[in-house]
PDB file of N, CA and C in Angstrom:
ATOM      1  N   MET A   1      41.657  22.755 -13.587  1.00  0.00           N
ATOM      2  CA  MET A   1      40.532  21.944 -13.411  1.00  0.00           C
ATOM      3  C   MET A   1      39.270  22.561 -14.035  1.00  0.00           C
ATOM      4  N   LEU A   2      38.433  21.775 -14.621  1.00  0.00           N
ATOM      5  CA  LEU A   2      37.313  22.425 -15.367  1.00  0.00           C
ATOM      6  C   LEU A   2      36.272  22.673 -14.290  1.00  0.00           C
ATOM      7  N   GLU A   3      35.381  23.668 -14.637  1.00  0.00           N
ATOM      8  CA  GLU A   3      34.420  23.994 -13.652  1.00  0.00           C
ATOM      9  C   GLU A   3      33.309  22.980 -13.606  1.00  0.00           C
ATOM     10  N   GLY A   4      32.852  22.583 -12.412  1.00  0.00           N
ATOM     11  CA  GLY A   4      31.760  21.623 -12.326  1.00  0.00           C
ATOM     12  C   GLY A   4      32.349  20.236 -12.168  1.00  0.00           C
ATOM     13  N   THR A   5      33.631  20.038 -12.196  1.00  0.00           N
ATOM     14  CA  THR A   5      34.185  18.663 -12.023  1.00  0.00           C
ATOM     15  C   THR A   5      34.814  18.629 -10.602  1.00  0.00           C
ATOM     16  N   MET A   6      34.872  17.388 -10.040  1.00  0.00           N
ATOM     17  CA  MET A   6      35.463  17.177  -8.740  1.00  0.00           C
ATOM     18  C   MET A   6      36.766  16.588  -8.808  1.00  0.00           C
ATOM     19  N   PRO A   7      37.622  16.832  -7.921  1.00  0.00           N
ATOM     20  CA  PRO A   7      38.914  16.096  -7.923  1.00  0.00           C
ATOM     21  C   PRO A   7      38.678  14.714  -7.527  1.00  0.00           C
ATOM     22  N   GLU A   8      39.480  13.838  -7.976  1.00  0.00           N
ATOM     23  CA  GLU A   8      39.400  12.310  -7.808  1.00  0.00           C
ATOM     24  C   GLU A   8      39.179  12.016  -6.268  1.00  0.00           C
ATOM     25  N   GLY A   9      40.047  12.597  -5.446  1.00  0.00           N
ATOM     26  CA  GLY A   9      39.973  12.490  -3.994  1.00  0.00           C
ATOM     27  C   GLY A   9      38.654  12.694  -3.370  1.00  0.00           C
ATOM     28  N   THR A  10      38.015  13.699  -3.861  1.00  0.00           N
ATOM     29  CA  THR A  10      36.659  14.086  -3.273  1.00  0.00           C
ATOM     30  C   THR A  10      35.618  13.000  -3.575  1.00  0.00           C
ATOM     31  N   MET A  11      35.680  12.479  -4.743  1.00  0.00           N
ATOM     32  CA  MET A  11      34.785  11.346  -5.040  1.00  0.00           C
ATOM     33  C   MET A  11      35.025  10.192  -4.314  1.00  0.00           C
ATOM     34  N   LEU A  12      36.330   9.810  -4.120  1.00  0.00           N
ATOM     35  CA  LEU A  12      36.586   8.636  -3.241  1.00  0.00           C
ATOM     36  C   LEU A  12      36.144   8.845  -1.820  1.00  0.00           C
ATOM     37  N   GLU A  13      36.261  10.023  -1.318  1.00  0.00           N
ATOM     38  CA  GLU A  13      35.868  10.325   0.053  1.00  0.00           C
ATOM     39  C   GLU A  13      34.286  10.127   0.156  1.00  0.00           C
ATOM     40  N   ARG A  14      33.584  10.697  -0.825  1.00  0.00           N
ATOM     41  CA  ARG A  14      32.195  10.532  -0.811  1.00  0.00           C
ATOM     42  C   ARG A  14      31.769   9.038  -0.728  1.00  0.00           C
ATOM     43  N   GLN A  15      32.384   8.196  -1.586  1.00  0.00           N
ATOM     44  CA  GLN A  15      32.166   6.753  -1.678  1.00  0.00           C
ATOM     45  C   GLN A  15      32.453   6.139  -0.326  1.00  0.00           C
ATOM     46  N   ARG A  16      33.472   6.599   0.341  1.00  0.00           N
ATOM     47  CA  ARG A  16      33.916   5.942   1.623  1.00  0.00           C
ATOM     48  C   ARG A  16      32.788   6.298   2.560  1.00  0.00           C
ATOM     49  N   LEU A  17      32.348   7.597   2.661  1.00  0.00           N
ATOM     50  CA  LEU A  17      31.393   7.986   3.597  1.00  0.00           C
ATOM     51  C   LEU A  17      30.020   7.183   3.368  1.00  0.00           C
ATOM     52  N   ARG A  18      29.762   6.972   2.125  1.00  0.00           N
ATOM     53  CA  ARG A  18      28.495   6.350   1.695  1.00  0.00           C
ATOM     54  C   ARG A  18      28.419   4.926   2.266  1.00  0.00           C
ATOM     55  N   ILE A  19      29.626   4.228   2.087  1.00  0.00           N
ATOM     56  CA  ILE A  19      29.754   2.805   2.571  1.00  0.00           C
ATOM     57  C   ILE A  19      29.751   2.764   4.049  1.00  0.00           C
ATOM     58  N   ARG A  20      30.424   3.700   4.751  1.00  0.00           N
ATOM     59  CA  ARG A  20      30.359   3.778   6.168  1.00  0.00           C
ATOM     60  C   ARG A  20      29.021   3.940   6.761  1.00  0.00           C
ATOM     61  N   ARG A  21      28.125   4.680   6.154  1.00  0.00           N
ATOM     62  CA  ARG A  21      26.648   4.897   6.547  1.00  0.00           C
ATOM     63  C   ARG A  21      25.945   3.592   6.496  1.00  0.00           C
ATOM     64  N   ASP A  22      26.243   2.699   5.590  1.00  0.00           N
ATOM     65  CA  ASP A  22      25.526   1.416   5.457  1.00  0.00           C
ATOM     66  C   ASP A  22      26.073   0.276   6.261  1.00  0.00           C
ATOM     67  N   ASP A  23      27.152   0.504   7.048  1.00  0.00           N
ATOM     68  CA  ASP A  23      27.758  -0.548   7.828  1.00  0.00           C
ATOM     69  C   ASP A  23      26.810  -1.187   8.777  1.00  0.00           C
ATOM     70  N   GLY A  24      25.874  -0.402   9.436  1.00  0.00           N
ATOM     71  CA  GLY A  24      25.083  -1.079  10.473  1.00  0.00           C
ATOM     72  C   GLY A  24      23.893  -1.722   9.843  1.00  0.00           C
ATOM     73  N   GLN A  25      23.583  -1.613   8.522  1.00  0.00           N
ATOM     74  CA  GLN A  25      22.386  -2.154   7.972  1.00  0.00           C
ATOM     75  C   GLN A  25      22.378  -3.671   8.152  1.00  0.00           C
ATOM     76  N   ALA A  26      23.583  -4.315   7.842  1.00  0.00           N
ATOM     77  CA  ALA A  26      23.611  -5.811   7.903  1.00  0.00           C
ATOM     78  C   ALA A  26      23.388  -6.195   9.364  1.00  0.00           C
ATOM     79  N   THR A  27      23.984  -5.553  10.199  1.00  0.00           N
ATOM     80  CA  THR A  27      23.710  -5.844  11.601  1.00  0.00           C
ATOM     81  C   THR A  27      22.305  -5.856  12.090  1.00  0.00           C
ATOM     82  N   ALA A  28      21.598  -4.734  11.575  1.00  0.00           N
ATOM     83  CA  ALA A  28      20.227  -4.551  11.915  1.00  0.00           C
ATOM     84  C   ALA A  28      19.338  -5.657  11.256  1.00  0.00           C
ATOM     85  N   GLU A  29      19.717  -6.082  10.068  1.00  0.00           N
ATOM     86  CA  GLU A  29      18.962  -7.026   9.411  1.00  0.00           C
ATOM     87  C   GLU A  29      19.139  -8.482  10.083  1.00  0.00           C
ATOM     88  N   TYR A  30      20.425  -8.711  10.531  1.00  0.00           N
ATOM     89  CA  TYR A  30      20.667  -9.903  11.183  1.00  0.00           C
ATOM     90  C   TYR A  30      19.924  -9.944  12.584  1.00  0.00           C
ATOM     91  N   ALA A  31      19.900  -8.864  13.218  1.00  0.00           N
ATOM     92  CA  ALA A  31      19.184  -8.771  14.546  1.00  0.00           C
ATOM     93  C   ALA A  31      17.649  -9.038  14.324  1.00  0.00           C
ATOM     94  N   LEU A  32      17.090  -8.565  13.253  1.00  0.00           N
ATOM     95  CA  LEU A  32      15.714  -8.847  13.010  1.00  0.00           C
ATOM     96  C   LEU A  32      15.336 -10.222  12.719  1.00  0.00           C
ATOM     97  N   VAL A  33      16.305 -10.903  11.816  1.00  0.00           N
ATOM     98  CA  VAL A  33      16.245 -12.345  11.472  1.00  0.00           C
ATOM     99  C   VAL A  33      16.400 -13.154  12.845  1.00  0.00           C
ATOM    100  N   MET A  34      17.279 -12.817  13.782  1.00  0.00           N
ATOM    101  CA  MET A  34      17.378 -13.493  14.954  1.00  0.00           C
ATOM    102  C   MET A  34      16.207 -13.378  15.832  1.00  0.00           C
ATOM    103  N   LEU A  35      15.524 -12.208  15.911  1.00  0.00           N
ATOM    104  CA  LEU A  35      14.407 -11.908  16.699  1.00  0.00           C
ATOM    105  C   LEU A  35      13.191 -12.772  16.134  1.00  0.00           C
ATOM    106  N   ALA A  36      13.136 -12.852  14.886  1.00  0.00           N
ATOM    107  CA  ALA A  36      12.067 -13.668  14.255  1.00  0.00           C
ATOM    108  C   ALA A  36      12.292 -15.177  14.617  1.00  0.00           C
ATOM    109  N   ALA A  37      13.485 -15.498  14.426  1.00  0.00           N
ATOM    110  CA  ALA A  37      13.721 -17.001  14.812  1.00  0.00           C
ATOM    111  C   ALA A  37      13.454 -17.347  16.165  1.00  0.00           C
ATOM    112  N   ALA A  38      13.804 -16.440  17.170  1.00  0.00           N
ATOM    113  CA  ALA A  38      13.459 -16.603  18.520  1.00  0.00           C
ATOM    114  C   ALA A  38      11.996 -16.669  18.866  1.00  0.00           C
ATOM    115  N   ALA A  39      11.300 -15.763  18.185  1.00  0.00           N
ATOM    116  CA  ALA A  39       9.871 -15.731  18.307  1.00  0.00           C
ATOM    117  C   ALA A  39       9.080 -17.004  17.832  1.00  0.00           C
ATOM    118  N   LEU A  40       9.655 -17.421  16.654  1.00  0.00           N
ATOM    119  CA  LEU A  40       9.187 -18.792  16.128  1.00  0.00           C
ATOM    120  C   LEU A  40       9.428 -19.966  17.006  1.00  0.00           C
ATOM    121  N   ALA A  41      10.654 -19.888  17.609  1.00  0.00           N
ATOM    122  CA  ALA A  41      11.134 -21.047  18.514  1.00  0.00           C
ATOM    123  C   ALA A  41      10.186 -20.911  19.788  1.00  0.00           C
ATOM    124  N   GLY A  42       9.883 -19.739  20.259  1.00  0.00           N
ATOM    125  CA  GLY A  42       9.046 -19.682  21.457  1.00  0.00           C
ATOM    126  C   GLY A  42       7.578 -20.190  21.232  1.00  0.00           C
ATOM    127  N   LEU A  43       7.140 -19.838  19.927  1.00  0.00           N
ATOM    128  CA  LEU A  43       5.763 -20.336  19.612  1.00  0.00           C
ATOM    129  C   LEU A  43       5.744 -21.849  19.540  1.00  0.00           C
ATOM    130  N   LEU A  44       6.853 -22.433  18.890  1.00  0.00           N
ATOM    131  CA  LEU A  44       6.912 -23.957  18.861  1.00  0.00           C
ATOM    132  C   LEU A  44       7.046 -24.572  20.153  1.00  0.00           C
ATOM    133  N   ILE A  45       7.783 -23.911  21.179  1.00  0.00           N
ATOM    134  CA  ILE A  45       7.850 -24.512  22.472  1.00  0.00           C
ATOM    135  C   ILE A  45       6.493 -24.409  23.204  1.00  0.00           C
ATOM    136  N   ALA A  46       5.900 -23.325  23.070  1.00  0.00           N
ATOM    137  CA  ALA A  46       4.680 -23.070  23.728  1.00  0.00           C
ATOM    138  C   ALA A  46       3.569 -24.110  23.204  1.00  0.00           C
ATOM    139  N   TRP A  47       3.557 -24.342  21.857  1.00  0.00           N
ATOM    140  CA  TRP A  47       2.721 -25.411  21.237  1.00  0.00           C
ATOM    141  C   TRP A  47       3.049 -26.771  21.743  1.00  0.00           C
ATOM    142  N   ALA A  48       4.312 -27.148  21.835  1.00  0.00           N
ATOM    143  CA  ALA A  48       4.766 -28.461  22.316  1.00  0.00           C
ATOM    144  C   ALA A  48       4.355 -28.653  23.740  1.00  0.00           C
ATOM    145  N   VAL A  49       4.563 -27.650  24.504  1.00  0.00           N
ATOM    146  CA  VAL A  49       4.271 -27.868  25.986  1.00  0.00           C
ATOM    147  C   VAL A  49       2.758 -28.021  26.249  1.00  0.00           C
ATOM    148  N   GLY A  50       2.017 -27.115  25.481  1.00  0.00           N
ATOM    149  CA  GLY A  50       0.585 -27.094  25.560  1.00  0.00           C
ATOM    150  C   GLY A  50      -0.177 -28.249  25.102  1.00  0.00           C
ATOM    151  N   THR A  51       0.351 -28.968  24.241  1.00  0.00           N
ATOM    152  CA  THR A  51      -0.414 -30.041  23.458  1.00  0.00           C
ATOM    153  C   THR A  51       0.263 -31.409  23.639  1.00  0.00           C
ATOM    154  N   ASP A  52       1.153 -31.604  24.511  1.00  0.00           N
ATOM    155  CA  ASP A  52       1.962 -32.840  24.750  1.00  0.00           C
ATOM    156  C   ASP A  52       2.537 -33.232  23.416  1.00  0.00           C
ATOM    157  N   GLY A  53       3.007 -32.289  22.611  1.00  0.00           N
ATOM    158  CA  GLY A  53       3.647 -32.399  21.360  1.00  0.00           C
ATOM    159  C   GLY A  53       5.054 -33.057  21.501  1.00  0.00           C
ATOM    160  N   ILE A  54       5.752 -32.769  22.673  1.00  0.00           N
ATOM    161  CA  ILE A  54       7.032 -33.378  22.831  1.00  0.00           C
ATOM    162  C   ILE A  54       6.939 -34.877  22.994  1.00  0.00           C
ATOM    163  N   ASP A  55       6.005 -35.330  23.925  1.00  0.00           N
ATOM    164  CA  ASP A  55       5.808 -36.691  24.049  1.00  0.00           C
ATOM    165  C   ASP A  55       5.521 -37.446  22.740  1.00  0.00           C
ATOM    166  N   ARG A  56       4.637 -36.823  21.961  1.00  0.00           N
ATOM    167  CA  ARG A  56       4.235 -37.560  20.772  1.00  0.00           C
ATOM    168  C   ARG A  56       5.390 -37.592  19.703  1.00  0.00           C
ATOM    169  N   LEU A  57       6.132 -36.357  19.713  1.00  0.00           N
ATOM    170  CA  LEU A  57       7.292 -36.448  18.836  1.00  0.00           C
ATOM    171  C   LEU A  57       8.348 -37.469  19.182  1.00  0.00           C
ATOM    172  N   MET A  58       8.678 -37.475  20.485  1.00  0.00           N
ATOM    173  CA  MET A  58       9.639 -38.484  20.921  1.00  0.00           C
ATOM    174  C   MET A  58       9.133 -39.895  20.719  1.00  0.00           C
ATOM    175  N   ASN A  59       7.918 -40.229  20.930  1.00  0.00           N
ATOM    176  CA  ASN A  59       7.426 -41.496  20.662  1.00  0.00           C
ATOM    177  C   ASN A  59       7.541 -41.883  19.225  1.00  0.00           C
ATOM    178  N   ALA A  60       7.168 -40.855  18.336  1.00  0.00           N
ATOM    179  CA  ALA A  60       7.310 -41.191  16.916  1.00  0.00           C
ATOM    180  C   ALA A  60       8.711 -41.431  16.445  1.00  0.00           C
ATOM    181  N   VAL A  61       9.684 -40.658  17.012  1.00  0.00           N
ATOM    182  CA  VAL A  61      11.057 -40.814  16.611  1.00  0.00           C
ATOM    183  C   VAL A  61      11.575 -42.158  17.107  1.00  0.00           C
ATOM    184  N   LEU A  62      11.237 -42.423  18.316  1.00  0.00           N
ATOM    185  CA  LEU A  62      11.673 -43.734  18.907  1.00  0.00           C
ATOM    186  C   LEU A  62      11.143 -44.954  18.220  1.00  0.00           C
ATOM    187  N   ASP A  63       9.825 -44.839  17.855  1.00  0.00           N
ATOM    188  CA  ASP A  63       9.190 -45.926  17.101  1.00  0.00           C
ATOM    189  C   ASP A  63       9.757 -46.092  15.756  1.00  0.00           C
ATOM    190  N   SER A  64      10.090 -44.954  15.144  1.00  0.00           N
ATOM    191  CA  SER A  64      10.821 -45.049  13.822  1.00  0.00           C
ATOM    192  C   SER A  64      12.074 -45.744  13.927  1.00  0.00           C
ATOM    193  N   LEU A  65      12.897 -45.338  14.986  1.00  0.00           N
ATOM    194  CA  LEU A  65      14.241 -45.859  15.062  1.00  0.00           C
ATOM    195  C   LEU A  65      14.115 -47.384  15.455  1.00  0.00           C
ATOM    196  N   ILE A  66      13.197 -47.741  16.150  1.00  0.00           N
ATOM    197  CA  ILE A  66      13.033 -49.232  16.605  1.00  0.00           C
ATOM    198  C   ILE A  66      12.580 -49.999  15.311  1.00  0.00           C
ATOM    199  N   SER A  67      11.733 -49.559  14.607  1.00  0.00           N
ATOM    200  CA  SER A  67      11.227 -50.283  13.448  1.00  0.00           C
ATOM    201  C   SER A  67      12.285 -50.395  12.366  1.00  0.00           C
ATOM    202  N   SER A  68      13.139 -49.386  12.259  1.00  0.00           N
ATOM    203  CA  SER A  68      14.239 -49.421  11.264  1.00  0.00           C
ATOM    204  C   SER A  68      15.297 -50.369  11.593  1.00  0.00           C
ATOM    205  N   THR A  69      15.464 -50.577  12.904  1.00  0.00           N
ATOM    206  CA  THR A  69      16.470 -51.546  13.410  1.00  0.00           C
ATOM    207  C   THR A  69      16.173 -52.952  13.402  1.00  0.00           C
ATOM    208  N   THR A  70      14.816 -53.226  13.409  1.00  0.00           N
ATOM    209  CA  THR A  70      14.425 -54.610  13.512  1.00  0.00           C
ATOM    210  C   THR A  70      13.967 -55.094  12.255  1.00  0.00           C
TER     211      THR A  70
END
């Protein structure tokens, strides 16, 4: 073997270790996205409860359905 070169097995092991270290990254990103979605849903619910938004939304949907069927 030439000096300064690595055997093929060592390179493969390094690649496997590098991949293993990144395994949790997708899970962490998914958790952050889910946390942001939950926070947004919480804000939407707080707005709807505080401003009678649910009643207005339901009335708008029902009015639209009734007008489209008649």
